[in-house]
Structures are given as structure tokens and as C-alpha cells.
Protein backbone atom coordinates (compact mmCIF):
# COMPACT_ATOMS: atom_id res chain seq x y z
CA UNK A 1 -50.45 50.87 -51.58
CA UNK A 2 -49.16 48.94 -49.18
CA UNK A 3 -45.00 48.68 -49.35
CA UNK A 4 -44.32 45.14 -49.83
CA UNK A 5 -43.25 44.70 -46.47
CA UNK A 6 -46.82 45.29 -45.20
CA UNK A 7 -47.82 42.18 -47.20
CA UNK A 8 -45.33 39.58 -45.94
CA UNK A 9 -47.67 37.23 -43.49
CA UNK A 10 -46.03 37.27 -40.44
CA UNK A 11 -45.51 33.50 -39.75
CA UNK A 12 -42.69 34.48 -43.45
CA UNK A 13 -41.18 37.15 -40.83
CA UNK A 14 -40.82 34.88 -38.26
CA UNK A 15 -39.57 32.20 -39.68
CA UNK A 16 -36.99 34.37 -41.68
CA UNK A 17 -35.85 35.92 -38.47
CA UNK A 18 -34.89 32.66 -37.26
CA UNK A 19 -32.94 31.43 -40.22
CA UNK A 20 -31.10 34.58 -39.72
CA UNK A 21 -30.43 34.02 -35.83
CA UNK A 22 -29.53 30.54 -36.21
CA UNK A 23 -26.97 31.41 -39.62
CA UNK A 24 -25.29 33.93 -37.01
CA UNK A 25 -25.25 31.71 -34.08
CA UNK A 26 -23.34 28.84 -36.45
CA UNK A 27 -21.03 31.46 -37.40
CA UNK A 28 -20.59 32.34 -33.47
CA UNK A 29 -19.64 28.42 -32.72
CA UNK A 30 -17.59 27.98 -35.80
CA UNK A 31 -15.43 30.82 -35.14
CA UNK A 32 -15.11 30.26 -31.29
CA UNK A 33 -14.52 26.56 -32.58
CA UNK A 34 -11.15 28.43 -34.99
CA UNK A 35 -10.56 30.53 -31.67
CA UNK A 36 -10.11 27.57 -29.60
CA UNK A 37 -6.27 26.32 -28.79
CA UNK A 38 -6.09 22.70 -31.16
CA UNK A 39 -5.07 21.09 -28.22
CA UNK A 40 -8.16 21.45 -26.61
CA UNK A 41 -10.06 20.09 -29.51
CA UNK A 42 -7.83 17.16 -29.87
CA UNK A 43 -8.30 16.30 -25.70
CA UNK A 44 -12.10 16.80 -26.63
CA UNK A 45 -11.71 14.54 -29.36
CA UNK A 46 -9.87 11.84 -26.75
CA UNK A 47 -13.03 12.12 -24.64
CA UNK A 48 -15.25 10.81 -27.34
CA UNK A 49 -12.52 8.40 -27.65
CA UNK A 50 -13.09 7.57 -24.20
CA UNK A 51 -16.72 7.01 -24.64
CA UNK A 52 -16.83 5.12 -27.45
CA UNK A 53 -13.72 2.91 -25.38
CA UNK A 54 -11.68 3.45 -28.41
CA UNK A 55 -8.91 3.95 -25.77
CA UNK A 56 -6.03 3.71 -28.06
CA UNK A 57 -7.33 6.32 -30.14
CA UNK A 58 -8.02 8.24 -27.40
CA UNK A 59 -4.36 8.09 -25.93
CA UNK A 60 -3.28 9.36 -30.04
CA UNK A 61 -5.38 12.45 -29.69
CA UNK A 62 -3.78 12.76 -26.22
CA UNK A 63 -0.21 12.53 -27.56
CA UNK A 64 -1.30 15.07 -29.52
CA UNK A 65 -2.69 17.34 -27.56
CA UNK A 66 0.16 17.38 -25.45
CA UNK A 67 2.76 17.98 -27.85
CA UNK A 68 0.81 21.17 -28.84
CA UNK A 69 0.49 22.18 -24.90
CA UNK A 70 2.72 19.91 -22.54
CA UNK A 71 2.52 22.19 -19.70
CA UNK A 72 -1.58 21.21 -19.57
CA UNK A 73 -1.76 18.65 -16.18
CA UNK A 74 -5.23 17.85 -17.02
CA UNK A 75 -3.80 16.31 -20.50
CA UNK A 76 -1.42 13.99 -17.86
CA UNK A 77 -4.16 13.00 -15.70
CA UNK A 78 -6.64 11.85 -19.07
CA UNK A 79 -4.05 9.88 -19.86
CA UNK A 80 -3.43 8.18 -16.52
CA UNK A 81 -7.10 7.08 -16.06
CA UNK A 82 -6.72 5.65 -19.62
CA UNK A 83 -3.63 3.93 -18.76
CA UNK A 84 -5.92 2.77 -15.56
CA UNK A 85 -8.70 1.41 -17.81
CA UNK A 86 -6.42 -0.87 -19.87
CA UNK A 87 -4.79 -2.02 -16.09
CA UNK A 88 -1.44 -0.58 -17.21
CA UNK A 89 -0.88 0.91 -14.09
CA UNK A 90 2.75 1.64 -14.02
CA UNK A 91 1.99 3.80 -16.72
CA UNK A 92 -1.05 5.41 -15.26
CA UNK A 93 1.37 6.03 -12.23
CA UNK A 94 3.92 8.03 -14.17
CA UNK A 95 1.50 10.46 -16.30
CA UNK A 96 -0.28 11.20 -12.16
CA UNK A 97 3.09 12.04 -11.68
CA UNK A 98 3.79 14.23 -14.71
CA UNK A 99 0.26 15.67 -14.12
CA UNK A 100 0.93 16.87 -10.07
CA UNK A 101 4.68 18.28 -11.40
CA UNK A 102 2.52 21.09 -13.62
CA UNK A 103 -0.33 21.46 -11.00
CA UNK A 104 0.65 20.88 -7.30
CA UNK A 105 -2.87 21.15 -5.86
CA UNK A 106 -4.69 18.91 -7.59
CA UNK A 107 -7.10 16.76 -5.23
CA UNK A 108 -8.23 14.15 -7.57
CA UNK A 109 -4.45 13.82 -8.77
CA UNK A 110 -3.67 13.07 -5.32
CA UNK A 111 -6.16 10.76 -4.37
CA UNK A 112 -5.32 8.12 -7.45
CA UNK A 113 -1.48 8.71 -6.79
CA UNK A 114 -2.07 7.62 -3.08
CA UNK A 115 -4.22 4.49 -4.24
CA UNK A 116 -1.26 3.69 -7.01
CA UNK A 117 1.62 4.41 -4.19
CA UNK A 118 -0.18 1.58 -1.70
CA UNK A 119 -0.44 -1.08 -4.73
CA UNK A 120 3.13 -0.58 -5.84
CA UNK A 121 4.31 -0.84 -1.97
CA UNK A 122 5.81 2.85 -1.88
CA UNK A 123 3.54 3.46 1.40
CA UNK A 124 5.73 6.73 2.57
CA UNK A 125 4.30 8.77 -0.97
CA UNK A 126 1.15 7.26 -0.57
CA UNK A 127 0.78 8.83 2.99
CA UNK A 128 2.36 11.84 1.82
CA UNK A 129 -0.66 12.37 -0.56
CA UNK A 130 -3.26 11.52 1.65
CA UNK A 131 -1.95 13.86 4.15
CA UNK A 132 -2.65 16.49 1.51
CA UNK A 133 -5.58 15.68 0.81
CA UNK A 134 -6.82 15.57 4.71
CA UNK A 135 -5.73 19.25 4.82
CA UNK A 136 -7.71 19.97 2.12
CA UNK A 137 -10.55 17.97 2.67
CA UNK A 138 -10.83 17.46 6.61
CA UNK A 139 -14.33 16.41 6.61
CA UNK A 140 -13.59 13.48 4.22
CA UNK A 141 -13.06 10.43 7.10
CA UNK A 142 -12.21 7.90 4.43
CA UNK A 143 -9.02 10.08 3.73
CA UNK A 144 -8.22 10.03 7.59
CA UNK A 145 -8.72 5.64 7.30
CA UNK A 146 -6.35 5.29 3.77
CA UNK A 147 -3.96 7.59 5.63
CA UNK A 148 -3.91 4.83 8.89
CA UNK A 149 -3.48 2.35 6.50
CA UNK A 150 -0.24 3.42 4.65
CA UNK A 151 1.27 4.23 8.10
CA UNK A 152 0.76 0.81 8.90
CA UNK A 153 2.01 -0.20 5.60
CA UNK A 154 5.11 2.03 6.01
CA UNK A 155 5.20 0.47 9.63
CA UNK A 156 4.81 2.95 11.97
CA UNK A 157 2.24 2.01 14.38
CA UNK A 158 2.21 5.19 16.38
CA UNK A 159 0.99 7.04 13.63
CA UNK A 160 -1.71 4.09 12.81
CA UNK A 161 -3.14 4.32 15.69
CA UNK A 162 -3.23 7.88 16.34
CA UNK A 163 -5.03 8.17 12.99
CA UNK A 164 -7.55 5.42 13.96
CA UNK A 165 -8.38 7.38 17.39
CA UNK A 166 -9.08 10.40 15.19
CA UNK A 167 -11.05 8.55 13.00
CA UNK A 168 -13.43 7.34 15.67
CA UNK A 169 -13.19 10.26 17.57
CA UNK A 170 -15.13 11.54 14.65
CA UNK A 171 -17.46 9.00 14.20
CA UNK A 172 -15.91 7.30 11.35
CA UNK A 173 -17.30 3.64 11.34
CA UNK A 174 -15.96 1.59 9.12
CA UNK A 175 -15.19 -2.47 9.62
CA UNK A 176 -11.65 -2.07 8.10
CA UNK A 177 -10.84 -0.39 11.55
CA UNK A 178 -10.31 -3.98 13.01
CA UNK A 179 -7.87 -5.13 10.34
CA UNK A 180 -6.01 -1.96 10.44
CA UNK A 181 -5.56 -2.46 14.65
CA UNK A 182 -5.02 -5.94 14.70
CA UNK A 183 -2.20 -5.65 11.88
CA UNK A 184 -1.30 -2.26 14.03
CA UNK A 185 -1.03 -4.56 17.34
CA UNK A 186 0.83 -7.47 15.18
CA UNK A 187 3.42 -5.21 14.71
CA UNK A 188 4.16 -3.92 18.00
CA UNK A 189 4.31 -7.18 18.94
CA UNK A 190 0.71 -7.11 20.64
CA UNK A 191 -0.25 -10.50 19.86
CA UNK A 192 -3.19 -10.59 22.20
CA UNK A 193 -4.66 -7.31 21.01
CA UNK A 194 -3.80 -8.56 17.30
CA UNK A 195 -5.91 -11.70 17.86
CA UNK A 196 -8.47 -10.05 19.23
CA UNK A 197 -8.95 -7.20 16.69
CA UNK A 198 -8.34 -9.81 13.97
CA UNK A 199 -10.82 -12.28 14.75
CA UNK A 200 -13.43 -9.83 14.51
CA UNK A 201 -12.49 -8.57 11.49
CA UNK A 202 -12.17 -12.41 9.56
CA UNK A 203 -15.71 -13.36 11.46
CA UNK A 204 -17.48 -10.84 8.91
CA UNK A 205 -14.82 -10.68 6.38
CA UNK A 206 -12.78 -14.22 5.87
CA UNK A 207 -11.46 -14.02 2.37
CA UNK A 208 -9.15 -11.74 3.66
CA UNK A 209 -5.66 -13.36 3.13
CA UNK A 210 -3.21 -10.74 5.09
CA UNK A 211 -5.95 -10.99 8.42
CA UNK A 212 -6.29 -15.11 7.88
CA UNK A 213 -2.15 -15.16 7.64
CA UNK A 214 -1.53 -12.69 10.18
CA UNK A 215 -4.12 -13.79 12.71
CA UNK A 216 -2.60 -17.19 12.25
CA UNK A 217 0.73 -15.95 13.07
CA UNK A 218 -0.03 -14.18 16.47
CA UNK A 219 -1.70 -17.49 17.59
CA UNK A 220 1.10 -19.83 17.28
CA UNK A 221 3.16 -16.91 18.96
CA UNK A 222 0.94 -16.97 21.96
CA UNK A 223 0.84 -20.73 22.34
CA UNK A 224 -2.38 -21.74 20.66
CA UNK A 225 -1.15 -24.00 17.83
CA UNK A 226 -4.21 -25.91 16.86
CA UNK A 227 -6.28 -21.83 16.07
CA UNK A 228 -3.07 -20.88 14.41
CA UNK A 229 -2.60 -23.19 11.76
CA UNK A 230 -6.41 -23.89 10.80
CA UNK A 231 -6.38 -19.73 9.73
CA UNK A 232 -2.79 -20.49 8.57
CA UNK A 233 -4.27 -23.19 6.28
CA UNK A 234 -7.31 -20.64 5.10
CA UNK A 235 -4.78 -18.37 3.99
CA UNK A 236 -2.59 -20.97 2.68
CA UNK A 237 -6.11 -21.51 0.55
CA UNK A 238 -6.09 -18.04 -0.85
CA UNK A 239 -2.20 -17.87 -1.34
CA UNK A 240 -0.11 -21.55 -2.29
CA UNK A 241 3.01 -19.18 -3.07
CA UNK A 242 3.52 -17.40 0.01
CA UNK A 243 6.73 -18.51 1.17
CA UNK A 244 6.26 -16.85 4.94
CA UNK A 245 3.26 -19.07 5.41
CA UNK A 246 4.98 -22.61 5.10
CA UNK A 247 7.46 -20.73 7.89
CA UNK A 248 5.31 -20.69 9.96
CA UNK A 249 3.37 -24.09 9.68
CA UNK A 250 7.27 -24.90 9.78
CA UNK A 251 7.06 -23.99 13.82
CA UNK A 252 3.66 -25.39 14.23
CA UNK A 253 4.78 -28.68 13.41
CA UNK A 254 7.91 -28.49 15.62
CA UNK A 255 5.14 -27.72 18.61
CA UNK A 256 3.94 -31.00 18.04
CA UNK A 257 7.26 -32.31 17.50
CA UNK A 258 7.13 -33.12 13.90
CA UNK A 259 10.80 -31.96 13.23
CA UNK A 260 11.30 -34.06 10.03
CA UNK A 261 7.73 -32.46 8.42
CA UNK A 262 9.25 -28.89 9.69
CA UNK A 263 12.45 -29.10 7.83
CA UNK A 264 10.72 -30.04 4.71
CA UNK A 265 8.77 -27.09 5.40
CA UNK A 266 11.37 -25.01 5.75
CA UNK A 267 13.24 -26.42 2.82
CA UNK A 268 10.10 -25.34 0.87
CA UNK A 269 10.19 -22.03 1.62
CA UNK A 270 13.75 -21.33 1.20
CA UNK A 271 13.69 -23.15 -1.95
CA UNK A 272 9.77 -20.41 -2.83
CA UNK A 273 11.57 -17.47 -1.52
CA UNK A 274 15.72 -17.09 -0.74
CA UNK A 275 15.41 -13.48 -0.29
CA UNK A 276 12.56 -13.08 2.02
CA UNK A 277 14.02 -11.95 5.85
CA UNK A 278 11.51 -13.59 7.76
CA UNK A 279 11.76 -16.89 5.76
CA UNK A 280 15.56 -15.93 6.01
CA UNK A 281 15.21 -15.15 9.83
CA UNK A 282 12.78 -18.14 11.03
CA UNK A 283 15.68 -20.92 9.55
CA UNK A 284 18.06 -19.18 11.16
CA UNK A 285 16.36 -19.59 14.33
CA UNK A 286 15.96 -23.08 13.68
CA UNK A 287 19.62 -23.61 12.77
CA UNK A 288 20.56 -22.02 15.94
CA UNK A 289 18.28 -24.46 18.11
CA UNK A 290 19.91 -27.07 15.97
CA UNK A 291 23.31 -26.04 17.46
CA UNK A 292 24.44 -24.91 13.86
CA UNK A 293 26.02 -21.11 14.68
CA UNK A 294 27.64 -20.85 11.10
CA UNK A 295 24.81 -21.28 9.13
CA UNK A 296 22.48 -19.29 11.68
CA UNK A 297 24.75 -16.51 11.34
CA UNK A 298 25.34 -16.47 7.60
CA UNK A 299 21.62 -16.46 7.20
CA UNK A 300 20.72 -13.45 9.56
CA UNK A 301 23.18 -11.71 7.31
CA UNK A 302 21.59 -12.13 4.20
CA UNK A 303 18.36 -11.39 6.00
CA UNK A 304 20.01 -8.24 6.70
CA UNK A 305 21.10 -7.68 3.60
CA UNK A 306 17.40 -8.00 2.17
CA UNK A 307 15.80 -5.90 5.53
CA UNK A 308 18.07 -3.68 7.40
CA UNK A 309 14.94 -2.81 9.79
CA UNK A 310 14.97 -6.76 10.36
CA UNK A 311 15.40 -6.09 14.18
CA UNK A 312 14.75 -9.35 14.98
CA UNK A 313 17.99 -10.72 13.38
CA UNK A 314 20.01 -8.17 15.55
CA UNK A 315 18.64 -9.94 18.45
CA UNK A 316 19.30 -13.25 17.18
CA UNK A 317 22.94 -11.87 16.45
CA UNK A 318 23.92 -10.87 19.71
CA UNK A 319 22.80 -14.16 21.48
CA UNK A 320 25.26 -15.46 19.39
CA UNK A 321 28.24 -13.44 19.89
CA UNK A 322 27.52 -13.46 23.48
CA UNK A 323 27.54 -17.06 23.17
CA UNK A 324 30.98 -16.69 21.46
CA UNK A 325 32.53 -14.09 24.10
CA UNK A 326 32.35 -11.19 21.48
CA UNK A 327 31.14 -8.77 24.23
CA UNK A 328 30.99 -5.59 22.06
CA UNK A 329 29.53 -7.05 19.34
CA UNK A 330 26.77 -8.45 21.25
CA UNK A 331 26.25 -5.35 23.31
CA UNK A 332 25.68 -3.38 19.76
CA UNK A 333 23.67 -5.77 18.02
CA UNK A 334 21.35 -6.31 21.09
CA UNK A 335 21.10 -2.51 21.96
CA UNK A 336 19.82 -1.62 17.93
CA UNK A 337 17.47 -4.42 18.77
CA UNK A 338 16.12 -3.08 21.69
CA UNK A 339 16.20 0.43 20.28
CA UNK A 340 13.78 -0.18 17.38
CA UNK A 341 11.18 -2.30 18.78
CA UNK A 342 7.72 -1.45 20.21
CA UNK A 343 7.18 -3.59 23.02
CA UNK A 344 9.70 -4.74 26.19
CA UNK A 345 11.77 -7.89 25.87
CA UNK A 346 12.45 -8.40 29.67
CA UNK A 347 15.42 -11.41 28.36
CA UNK A 348 17.34 -8.89 26.39
CA UNK A 349 17.42 -5.92 28.50
CA UNK A 350 18.79 -8.33 31.28
CA UNK A 351 21.51 -9.53 28.83
CA UNK A 352 22.11 -5.90 27.87
CA UNK A 353 22.63 -5.34 31.78
CA UNK A 354 25.05 -8.44 32.39
CA UNK A 355 26.89 -7.05 29.36
CA UNK A 356 27.51 -3.89 30.41
CA UNK A 357 28.63 -5.05 33.76
CA UNK A 358 31.43 -7.51 31.88
CA UNK A 359 32.36 -5.09 29.41
CA UNK A 360 33.37 -2.58 32.62
CA UNK A 361 35.03 -5.14 34.38
């Protein structure tokens, strides 16, 4: 007589084996889940909630995960991503900063922070993140271009041009280089070069407000009034709330001998933003030309209170002081101006020589 296991059909033996294997696997998975820290289980739940676009539920799961294991940087990074999806960018920024405090080498976090710092007008911090990225990923030219943009926003034209030249040398190609170069030359007071590059850029991207605005201003500074007002008006159609546009429209009307219209534009700009250093500076210049030195000086000091790097304010203050025979004060103002600009101002250099002579004799 055959033993009982010898007469069992082979397919029964196979499926019985498969059943025990499955049971064993399920037990192992269950045991694995049991061993997994609860914080990571909540993190996984948050990822599932994100997939279902249930962002508040995802944040709730992450808050629990963070409460259980607050040292895990990925939890804060994920929270930052959710805040970006919901448009809460300041909260996203703070979450990414916290993530970085727990994990210093975090390239994805560096990139997120760099972009948000630029948006929140913190270009020095953006540049710091981008320097980390360019060192960590030297072949990624996109970060070189972003770093140039950060230096531009931080008013560091020499560093901006250095990064752009490196970008070009490495074979980088982007229309944004025209914008960045043009704006950099504008910062340096090299208006012909600014016009050259910004012209190339707006021919391809007409809807860039910043390029249209500064191209218009550069044209006015180079005595190209009609071209200048054309670009300023294009910028105005994109953003009618920018007070500086009305200031330079006023300058255009002054060049056309339309003084009353210019005054209307000056007053409108002041009404819109009387804390803008550019607005205050340009209105002070107009007041000075009208012979109202008291008002001009008041506006210049107010501009410097808003922006201590308004170097042209020091020039105007120096001219006023010199006209009132305050020689030492005039010299100090003009020296501060000349030491911080990126181009030669022959008029001021001659005035400084004159003041130096008068002070010693």
C-alpha cells in the first residue's frame, strides 16, 4: 500500500506549497511593517495623500511624523514641497531652511531655497545656495546661469560678468544671457552696451517687464527719447503700479519741454511710492534744477534712509554742499560716490580736485 503523500496529485502539492509560501511572505511583510518606525509610516501616508491631492491631510501626517522623529530632514523637505503646491511660499521657505539645518549636504534643498530666496529678494542667500550647487555639480551649467542672476540681483556686476563668461566658455547657450548682460551693464552705467544686449533680448521676449523698463531708461539716458518712451510704455502696459516708470516718463516730458506734464508724472510717482529711493532721487534732481535746494536735500536724505547704497544721492548732496561752500562735507559726499561707482565720472573727478585744492589753501 502506498503512503498517503505518494497518492496526492502533483498540482495539489504545488498549490499547497504556494499557499504556505504566501502566508510566510505575508507574515514577513507584516513583521517588517511592525519593525518600521511609526514616523516613517506617517511619512508614507503623507505621500499617498499628496498623490490624491489631499494636501491638508498630507501636512497632518507629516506633522505627526515630525513630532515622532524631528531630526529627519526629509520630513521638512516634503512639507516645503506641499507648501509650494498650495502657494504658501514663505512657509515653504521656512520648511526648507529647517530641512537644511538637519542635513547640510542637501542639493535638492539648495536648489529650492535658491529659487525662493530670489523670489523673496534675498539674492545674497540665493547666491550662497547656488555656490554650493556649482561646487557639488560643476557640469550643471543651469546653476552657473542662476548664480549670475543672483549676483545681478545683489548688485554685484563684476561677479555677474565673471559667471556669465564662465558659462559661455563652458558652451552654455541661453537667451537669458542677453537679459543678464544688459542689466549688468545698466548697473555699471554702460548704457550703450545695456541697450545692445537688452535690444537683442526684447526682440525675442517682448513680454519681459524688467528688460523693457531698463531698456527704456537706458535709451533716455543716452538721449534716445522716442525709443526710450516706447519701451517704457510697453513696460507700463505690463505693470502700471511701478512708480519708477512715471519718474522716467517725467524725464521724457522734460526733454520735450513739457514741464507741466512732467510735474504731474513726478507727483504721481511720489503719491504711488514716497519711500522708493529712485523716485526720491529723481524728484530731488528736478527740485535742484528748479533752485529748491532745501527740498532737494530733504528728499536726498530720505532716499538714503531707504537705501544707504544710493550712491548718486551722495553725488547730488556733494554738489549742494559745494554750492553752499561746505567744502569738507562736499568732499566727503563726492568721495563716497566716486568710490562706489563702476565707471568714470569726469565731472566729479574735476570737482574733487578743485575741492582738495580749496581745502588745503
